[in-house]
Amino acid sequence: MKANRLRRQGYIPGIVYGNEYEDTPIMIENKSLNRLLREAGHNAFFEIAMENEIKPVRIREIQRDPVTK
């Protein structure tokens, strides 16, 4: 699904990188991501469900459009 369409539907696109598994595109609800960042900060580890497993992840980079944000 295209990134702009995801954003219009209230989701944020992302990619999970890892040595143990292939790079995987994901989407997370905008409200959920904002709450996680507000409560835990940008360098915290999070757990996400991927391929029927819970995996620890960390946000490496957030890209924002300087014109619209």
C-alpha atoms as a PDB file:
ATOM      1  CA  MET A   1       0.000   0.000   0.000  1.00  0.00           C
ATOM      2  CA  LYS A   2       1.295   3.484  -0.789  1.00  0.00           C
ATOM      3  CA  ALA A   3       2.594   5.640   2.078  1.00  0.00           C
ATOM      4  CA  ASN A   4       0.255   8.563   1.342  1.00  0.00           C
ATOM      5  CA  ARG A   5      -2.792   6.292   1.424  1.00  0.00           C
ATOM      6  CA  LEU A   6      -1.662   4.834   4.760  1.00  0.00           C
ATOM      7  CA  ARG A   7      -1.229   8.322   6.229  1.00  0.00           C
ATOM      8  CA  ARG A   8      -4.709   9.366   5.086  1.00  0.00           C
ATOM      9  CA  GLN A   9      -6.094   6.299   6.855  1.00  0.00           C
ATOM     10  CA  GLY A  10      -4.321   7.254  10.102  1.00  0.00           C
ATOM     11  CA  TYR A  11      -1.288   4.959   9.871  1.00  0.00           C
ATOM     12  CA  ILE A  12       2.451   5.627   9.757  1.00  0.00           C
ATOM     13  CA  PRO A  13       4.577   3.451   7.439  1.00  0.00           C
ATOM     14  CA  GLY A  14       7.882   2.044   8.656  1.00  0.00           C
ATOM     15  CA  ILE A  15      10.458  -0.674   8.105  1.00  0.00           C
ATOM     16  CA  VAL A  16      11.801  -3.147  10.655  1.00  0.00           C
ATOM     17  CA  TYR A  17      15.468  -3.994  10.017  1.00  0.00           C
ATOM     18  CA  GLY A  18      17.223  -6.919  11.637  1.00  0.00           C
ATOM     19  CA  ASN A  19      20.004  -9.459  11.361  1.00  0.00           C
ATOM     20  CA  GLU A  20      17.753 -12.375  12.234  1.00  0.00           C
ATOM     21  CA  TYR A  21      15.041 -11.628   9.690  1.00  0.00           C
ATOM     22  CA  GLU A  22      14.439  -9.911   6.410  1.00  0.00           C
ATOM     23  CA  ASP A  23      13.678  -6.162   6.310  1.00  0.00           C
ATOM     24  CA  THR A  24       9.921  -5.937   6.778  1.00  0.00           C
ATOM     25  CA  PRO A  25       7.583  -3.028   5.981  1.00  0.00           C
ATOM     26  CA  ILE A  26       5.100  -2.283   8.765  1.00  0.00           C
ATOM     27  CA  MET A  27       2.371   0.203   9.586  1.00  0.00           C
ATOM     28  CA  ILE A  28       1.367   1.538  12.998  1.00  0.00           C
ATOM     29  CA  GLU A  29      -1.573   3.704  13.997  1.00  0.00           C
ATOM     30  CA  ASN A  30      -0.566   7.358  14.230  1.00  0.00           C
ATOM     31  CA  LYS A  31      -2.209   7.748  17.663  1.00  0.00           C
ATOM     32  CA  SER A  32      -0.446   4.669  19.030  1.00  0.00           C
ATOM     33  CA  LEU A  33       2.964   5.791  17.786  1.00  0.00           C
ATOM     34  CA  ASN A  34       2.545   9.290  19.203  1.00  0.00           C
ATOM     35  CA  ARG A  35       1.517   7.834  22.583  1.00  0.00           C
ATOM     36  CA  LEU A  36       4.518   5.461  22.624  1.00  0.00           C
ATOM     37  CA  LEU A  37       6.951   8.251  21.753  1.00  0.00           C
ATOM     38  CA  ARG A  38       5.455  10.574  24.363  1.00  0.00           C
ATOM     39  CA  GLU A  39       5.569   7.940  27.127  1.00  0.00           C
ATOM     40  CA  ALA A  40       8.805   6.097  26.331  1.00  0.00           C
ATOM     41  CA  GLY A  41      10.846   8.517  24.233  1.00  0.00           C
ATOM     42  CA  HIS A  42      12.560   8.126  20.874  1.00  0.00           C
ATOM     43  CA  ASN A  43      15.381   5.780  21.959  1.00  0.00           C
ATOM     44  CA  ALA A  44      13.317   3.253  23.909  1.00  0.00           C
ATOM     45  CA  PHE A  45      12.831  -0.363  22.886  1.00  0.00           C
ATOM     46  CA  PHE A  46       9.326  -1.519  21.995  1.00  0.00           C
ATOM     47  CA  GLU A  47       7.870  -4.952  21.418  1.00  0.00           C
ATOM     48  CA  ILE A  48       5.893  -5.660  18.274  1.00  0.00           C
ATOM     49  CA  ALA A  49       4.175  -8.790  17.015  1.00  0.00           C
ATOM     50  CA  MET A  50       5.781  -9.975  13.777  1.00  0.00           C
ATOM     51  CA  GLU A  51       5.431 -13.355  12.103  1.00  0.00           C
ATOM     52  CA  ASN A  52       3.667 -14.810  15.165  1.00  0.00           C
ATOM     53  CA  GLU A  53       6.513 -13.719  17.453  1.00  0.00           C
ATOM     54  CA  ILE A  54       7.080 -10.776  19.776  1.00  0.00           C
ATOM     55  CA  LYS A  55      10.222  -8.924  18.700  1.00  0.00           C
ATOM     56  CA  PRO A  56      12.057  -6.040  20.392  1.00  0.00           C
ATOM     57  CA  VAL A  57      12.517  -3.010  18.136  1.00  0.00           C
ATOM     58  CA  ARG A  58      13.893   0.508  18.473  1.00  0.00           C
ATOM     59  CA  ILE A  59      13.121   3.528  16.333  1.00  0.00           C
ATOM     60  CA  ARG A  60      16.297   4.426  14.500  1.00  0.00           C
ATOM     61  CA  GLU A  61      15.085   7.430  12.528  1.00  0.00           C
ATOM     62  CA  ILE A  62      11.946   9.520  12.176  1.00  0.00           C
ATOM     63  CA  GLN A  63      11.514  11.489   8.972  1.00  0.00           C
ATOM     64  CA  ARG A  64       9.158  14.458   8.969  1.00  0.00           C
ATOM     65  CA  ASP A  65       8.201  16.743   6.107  1.00  0.00           C
ATOM     66  CA  PRO A  66       9.334  20.236   7.196  1.00  0.00           C
ATOM     67  CA  VAL A  67       6.637  21.871   5.081  1.00  0.00           C
ATOM     68  CA  THR A  68       3.656  19.969   6.476  1.00  0.00           C
ATOM     69  CA  LYS A  69       4.815  19.204  10.039  1.00  0.00           C
END
